[in-house]
PDB file of N, CA and C in Angstrom:
ATOM      1  N   UNK A   1     -14.633  15.913  -5.395  1.00  0.00           N
ATOM      2  CA  UNK A   1     -14.018  14.793  -5.739  1.00  0.00           C
ATOM      3  C   UNK A   1     -13.070  14.937  -7.562  1.00  0.00           C
ATOM      4  N   UNK A   2     -11.886  14.311  -7.677  1.00  0.00           N
ATOM      5  CA  UNK A   2     -11.043  14.341  -8.366  1.00  0.00           C
ATOM      6  C   UNK A   2     -11.291  13.015  -8.822  1.00  0.00           C
ATOM      7  N   UNK A   3     -10.815  13.074 -10.803  1.00  0.00           N
ATOM      8  CA  UNK A   3     -11.133  11.387 -11.483  1.00  0.00           C
ATOM      9  C   UNK A   3     -10.792  10.532 -10.554  1.00  0.00           C
ATOM     10  N   UNK A   4     -11.985   9.277 -11.066  1.00  0.00           N
ATOM     11  CA  UNK A   4     -11.494   8.028 -10.352  1.00  0.00           C
ATOM     12  C   UNK A   4      -9.652   8.033 -10.619  1.00  0.00           C
ATOM     13  N   UNK A   5      -8.795   6.764 -10.667  1.00  0.00           N
ATOM     14  CA  UNK A   5      -7.962   6.305 -11.077  1.00  0.00           C
ATOM     15  C   UNK A   5      -7.805   4.377 -10.629  1.00  0.00           C
ATOM     16  N   UNK A   6      -7.403   3.712 -11.381  1.00  0.00           N
ATOM     17  CA  UNK A   6      -7.129   2.351 -10.730  1.00  0.00           C
ATOM     18  C   UNK A   6      -5.574   2.056 -11.354  1.00  0.00           C
ATOM     19  N   UNK A   7      -4.983   1.306 -10.438  1.00  0.00           N
ATOM     20  CA  UNK A   7      -3.948   1.053 -11.010  1.00  0.00           C
ATOM     21  C   UNK A   7      -3.548   0.511 -12.241  1.00  0.00           C
ATOM     22  N   UNK A   8      -2.499   0.765 -12.872  1.00  0.00           N
ATOM     23  CA  UNK A   8      -2.334  -0.254 -13.850  1.00  0.00           C
ATOM     24  C   UNK A   8      -1.794  -1.660 -14.055  1.00  0.00           C
ATOM     25  N   UNK A   9      -1.867  -1.844 -12.901  1.00  0.00           N
ATOM     26  CA  UNK A   9      -1.282  -3.167 -12.043  1.00  0.00           C
ATOM     27  C   UNK A   9      -2.745  -4.399 -12.255  1.00  0.00           C
ATOM     28  N   UNK A  10      -3.839  -3.616 -12.273  1.00  0.00           N
ATOM     29  CA  UNK A  10      -5.225  -4.480 -11.907  1.00  0.00           C
ATOM     30  C   UNK A  10      -5.591  -5.410 -12.841  1.00  0.00           C
ATOM     31  N   UNK A  11      -5.229  -5.216 -14.551  1.00  0.00           N
ATOM     32  CA  UNK A  11      -5.797  -5.942 -15.033  1.00  0.00           C
ATOM     33  C   UNK A  11      -7.211  -5.665 -15.426  1.00  0.00           C
ATOM     34  N   UNK A  12      -7.740  -6.949 -16.141  1.00  0.00           N
ATOM     35  CA  UNK A  12      -9.309  -6.861 -17.007  1.00  0.00           C
ATOM     36  C   UNK A  12     -10.254  -7.307 -15.830  1.00  0.00           C
ATOM     37  N   UNK A  13      -9.476  -7.885 -14.955  1.00  0.00           N
ATOM     38  CA  UNK A  13     -10.999  -8.658 -13.735  1.00  0.00           C
ATOM     39  C   UNK A  13     -11.555  -7.842 -12.975  1.00  0.00           C
ATOM     40  N   UNK A  14     -10.917  -6.096 -12.470  1.00  0.00           N
ATOM     41  CA  UNK A  14     -11.749  -5.489 -11.835  1.00  0.00           C
ATOM     42  C   UNK A  14     -11.410  -5.799 -10.638  1.00  0.00           C
ATOM     43  N   UNK A  15     -10.171  -6.362  -9.934  1.00  0.00           N
ATOM     44  CA  UNK A  15     -10.187  -6.966  -8.962  1.00  0.00           C
ATOM     45  C   UNK A  15      -9.747  -5.734  -7.690  1.00  0.00           C
ATOM     46  N   UNK A  16      -9.827  -4.660  -8.106  1.00  0.00           N
ATOM     47  CA  UNK A  16      -8.701  -3.619  -7.613  1.00  0.00           C
ATOM     48  C   UNK A  16      -9.296  -2.654  -6.411  1.00  0.00           C
ATOM     49  N   UNK A  17      -9.016  -1.435  -6.304  1.00  0.00           N
ATOM     50  CA  UNK A  17      -9.710  -0.261  -5.446  1.00  0.00           C
ATOM     51  C   UNK A  17      -9.196   0.779  -6.478  1.00  0.00           C
ATOM     52  N   UNK A  18     -10.225   1.747  -6.333  1.00  0.00           N
ATOM     53  CA  UNK A  18      -9.937   3.053  -6.845  1.00  0.00           C
ATOM     54  C   UNK A  18      -9.706   4.077  -6.333  1.00  0.00           C
ATOM     55  N   UNK A  19      -8.831   5.236  -6.476  1.00  0.00           N
ATOM     56  CA  UNK A  19      -8.809   6.060  -5.966  1.00  0.00           C
ATOM     57  C   UNK A  19      -9.097   7.716  -6.628  1.00  0.00           C
ATOM     58  N   UNK A  20      -9.524   7.972  -6.282  1.00  0.00           N
ATOM     59  CA  UNK A  20      -9.710   9.753  -6.368  1.00  0.00           C
ATOM     60  C   UNK A  20      -8.848  10.834  -5.491  1.00  0.00           C
ATOM     61  N   UNK A  21      -7.361  11.925  -6.495  1.00  0.00           N
ATOM     62  CA  UNK A  21      -6.794  12.524  -5.410  1.00  0.00           C
ATOM     63  C   UNK A  21      -7.472  13.915  -5.450  1.00  0.00           C
ATOM     64  N   UNK A  22      -7.094  14.453  -4.573  1.00  0.00           N
ATOM     65  CA  UNK A  22      -7.270  15.650  -4.589  1.00  0.00           C
ATOM     66  C   UNK A  22      -6.899  15.972  -2.763  1.00  0.00           C
ATOM     67  N   UNK A  23      -8.359  17.051  -2.084  1.00  0.00           N
ATOM     68  CA  UNK A  23      -8.004  18.013  -1.016  1.00  0.00           C
ATOM     69  C   UNK A  23      -8.587  16.527  -0.047  1.00  0.00           C
ATOM     70  N   UNK A  24      -9.679  16.134  -0.302  1.00  0.00           N
ATOM     71  CA  UNK A  24     -10.176  14.612   0.349  1.00  0.00           C
ATOM     72  C   UNK A  24      -9.640  13.700  -0.738  1.00  0.00           C
ATOM     73  N   UNK A  25      -9.437  12.365  -0.294  1.00  0.00           N
ATOM     74  CA  UNK A  25      -9.116  11.057  -1.474  1.00  0.00           C
ATOM     75  C   UNK A  25     -10.233  10.283  -0.673  1.00  0.00           C
ATOM     76  N   UNK A  26     -10.657  10.102  -2.044  1.00  0.00           N
ATOM     77  CA  UNK A  26     -11.672   8.726  -1.922  1.00  0.00           C
ATOM     78  C   UNK A  26     -11.268   7.390  -2.527  1.00  0.00           C
ATOM     79  N   UNK A  27     -11.765   6.568  -1.723  1.00  0.00           N
ATOM     80  CA  UNK A  27     -11.325   4.991  -2.310  1.00  0.00           C
ATOM     81  C   UNK A  27     -12.706   4.056  -2.188  1.00  0.00           C
ATOM     82  N   UNK A  28     -12.613   3.386  -3.532  1.00  0.00           N
ATOM     83  CA  UNK A  28     -13.815   2.680  -3.894  1.00  0.00           C
ATOM     84  C   UNK A  28     -13.489   1.327  -4.385  1.00  0.00           C
ATOM     85  N   UNK A  29     -14.467   0.252  -3.967  1.00  0.00           N
ATOM     86  CA  UNK A  29     -14.048  -0.792  -4.756  1.00  0.00           C
ATOM     87  C   UNK A  29     -14.266  -1.029  -6.064  1.00  0.00           C
ATOM     88  N   UNK A  30     -13.753  -1.444  -7.158  1.00  0.00           N
ATOM     89  CA  UNK A  30     -14.055  -1.210  -8.488  1.00  0.00           C
ATOM     90  C   UNK A  30     -15.513  -1.921  -8.745  1.00  0.00           C
ATOM     91  N   UNK A  31     -15.702  -3.260  -7.819  1.00  0.00           N
ATOM     92  CA  UNK A  31     -16.704  -4.298  -8.421  1.00  0.00           C
ATOM     93  C   UNK A  31     -17.862  -3.636  -7.555  1.00  0.00           C
ATOM     94  N   UNK A  32     -17.260  -2.953  -6.253  1.00  0.00           N
ATOM     95  CA  UNK A  32     -18.830  -2.303  -5.887  1.00  0.00           C
ATOM     96  C   UNK A  32     -19.072  -0.548  -5.829  1.00  0.00           C
ATOM     97  N   UNK A  33     -18.839  -0.111  -6.790  1.00  0.00           N
ATOM     98  CA  UNK A  33     -18.924   1.319  -6.667  1.00  0.00           C
ATOM     99  C   UNK A  33     -20.067   2.162  -6.059  1.00  0.00           C
ATOM    100  N   UNK A  34     -21.172   1.362  -6.345  1.00  0.00           N
ATOM    101  CA  UNK A  34     -22.681   1.854  -5.992  1.00  0.00           C
ATOM    102  C   UNK A  34     -22.583   1.120  -4.116  1.00  0.00           C
ATOM    103  N   UNK A  35     -21.687   0.716  -3.876  1.00  0.00           N
ATOM    104  CA  UNK A  35     -21.513   0.714  -1.995  1.00  0.00           C
ATOM    105  C   UNK A  35     -20.997   2.149  -1.421  1.00  0.00           C
ATOM    106  N   UNK A  36     -20.467   2.810  -2.350  1.00  0.00           N
ATOM    107  CA  UNK A  36     -20.062   3.956  -1.786  1.00  0.00           C
ATOM    108  C   UNK A  36     -18.518   3.954  -1.642  1.00  0.00           C
ATOM    109  N   UNK A  37     -18.090   4.598  -0.643  1.00  0.00           N
ATOM    110  CA  UNK A  37     -16.509   5.209  -1.113  1.00  0.00           C
ATOM    111  C   UNK A  37     -16.167   5.653   0.572  1.00  0.00           C
ATOM    112  N   UNK A  38     -14.765   5.470   0.652  1.00  0.00           N
ATOM    113  CA  UNK A  38     -14.414   5.963   1.976  1.00  0.00           C
ATOM    114  C   UNK A  38     -13.422   7.237   1.596  1.00  0.00           C
ATOM    115  N   UNK A  39     -13.619   8.171   2.158  1.00  0.00           N
ATOM    116  CA  UNK A  39     -13.058   9.770   2.349  1.00  0.00           C
ATOM    117  C   UNK A  39     -12.141   9.733   3.293  1.00  0.00           C
ATOM    118  N   UNK A  40     -10.917  10.245   3.155  1.00  0.00           N
ATOM    119  CA  UNK A  40      -9.937  10.525   4.078  1.00  0.00           C
ATOM    120  C   UNK A  40      -9.268  11.639   3.765  1.00  0.00           C
ATOM    121  N   UNK A  41      -8.614  12.491   4.035  1.00  0.00           N
ATOM    122  CA  UNK A  41      -7.623  13.480   4.192  1.00  0.00           C
ATOM    123  C   UNK A  41      -6.297  12.925   3.065  1.00  0.00           C
ATOM    124  N   UNK A  42      -6.330  14.054   2.492  1.00  0.00           N
ATOM    125  CA  UNK A  42      -4.689  13.801   1.738  1.00  0.00           C
ATOM    126  C   UNK A  42      -3.564  13.697   2.807  1.00  0.00           C
ATOM    127  N   UNK A  43      -3.661  13.936   3.638  1.00  0.00           N
ATOM    128  CA  UNK A  43      -2.517  14.105   4.690  1.00  0.00           C
ATOM    129  C   UNK A  43      -2.562  12.124   5.175  1.00  0.00           C
ATOM    130  N   UNK A  44      -3.895  12.145   5.328  1.00  0.00           N
ATOM    131  CA  UNK A  44      -3.936  10.402   6.089  1.00  0.00           C
ATOM    132  C   UNK A  44      -3.672   9.544   5.137  1.00  0.00           C
ATOM    133  N   UNK A  45      -4.208   9.562   3.616  1.00  0.00           N
ATOM    134  CA  UNK A  45      -3.701   9.277   2.926  1.00  0.00           C
ATOM    135  C   UNK A  45      -2.471   8.793   2.290  1.00  0.00           C
ATOM    136  N   UNK A  46      -1.530   9.890   2.858  1.00  0.00           N
ATOM    137  CA  UNK A  46      -0.238   9.917   2.632  1.00  0.00           C
ATOM    138  C   UNK A  46       0.811   9.431   3.342  1.00  0.00           C
ATOM    139  N   UNK A  47       0.182   9.235   4.264  1.00  0.00           N
ATOM    140  CA  UNK A  47       0.614   8.405   5.898  1.00  0.00           C
ATOM    141  C   UNK A  47       0.234   6.735   5.785  1.00  0.00           C
ATOM    142  N   UNK A  48      -0.695   6.368   4.797  1.00  0.00           N
ATOM    143  CA  UNK A  48      -1.054   4.810   4.567  1.00  0.00           C
ATOM    144  C   UNK A  48       0.141   4.455   3.026  1.00  0.00           C
ATOM    145  N   UNK A  49       0.010   5.310   2.734  1.00  0.00           N
ATOM    146  CA  UNK A  49       1.683   4.855   1.145  1.00  0.00           C
ATOM    147  C   UNK A  49       2.518   5.110   2.228  1.00  0.00           C
ATOM    148  N   UNK A  50       2.949   5.791   2.773  1.00  0.00           N
ATOM    149  CA  UNK A  50       3.990   5.786   3.205  1.00  0.00           C
ATOM    150  C   UNK A  50       4.254   4.185   4.248  1.00  0.00           C
ATOM    151  N   UNK A  51       3.612   4.329   4.830  1.00  0.00           N
ATOM    152  CA  UNK A  51       3.456   2.690   5.339  1.00  0.00           C
ATOM    153  C   UNK A  51       3.542   1.675   4.517  1.00  0.00           C
ATOM    154  N   UNK A  52       3.216   1.908   3.715  1.00  0.00           N
ATOM    155  CA  UNK A  52       2.664   1.072   2.819  1.00  0.00           C
ATOM    156  C   UNK A  52       4.416   0.502   2.264  1.00  0.00           C
ATOM    157  N   UNK A  53       4.916   1.326   1.785  1.00  0.00           N
ATOM    158  CA  UNK A  53       5.984   1.664   1.139  1.00  0.00           C
ATOM    159  C   UNK A  53       7.375   0.894   2.488  1.00  0.00           C
TER     160      UNK A  53
END
């Protein structure tokens, strides 16, 4: 898995999700990292982003 990143718009309160980009994309809650992560294919992640736009 690649390096975990969070949005620069998240601020200092850690109320955000983090994303690790790669062939498999990981998504996790910044406040509950120990709870695990959701993993999806890069193609599925691109589809999510396209729908959000």
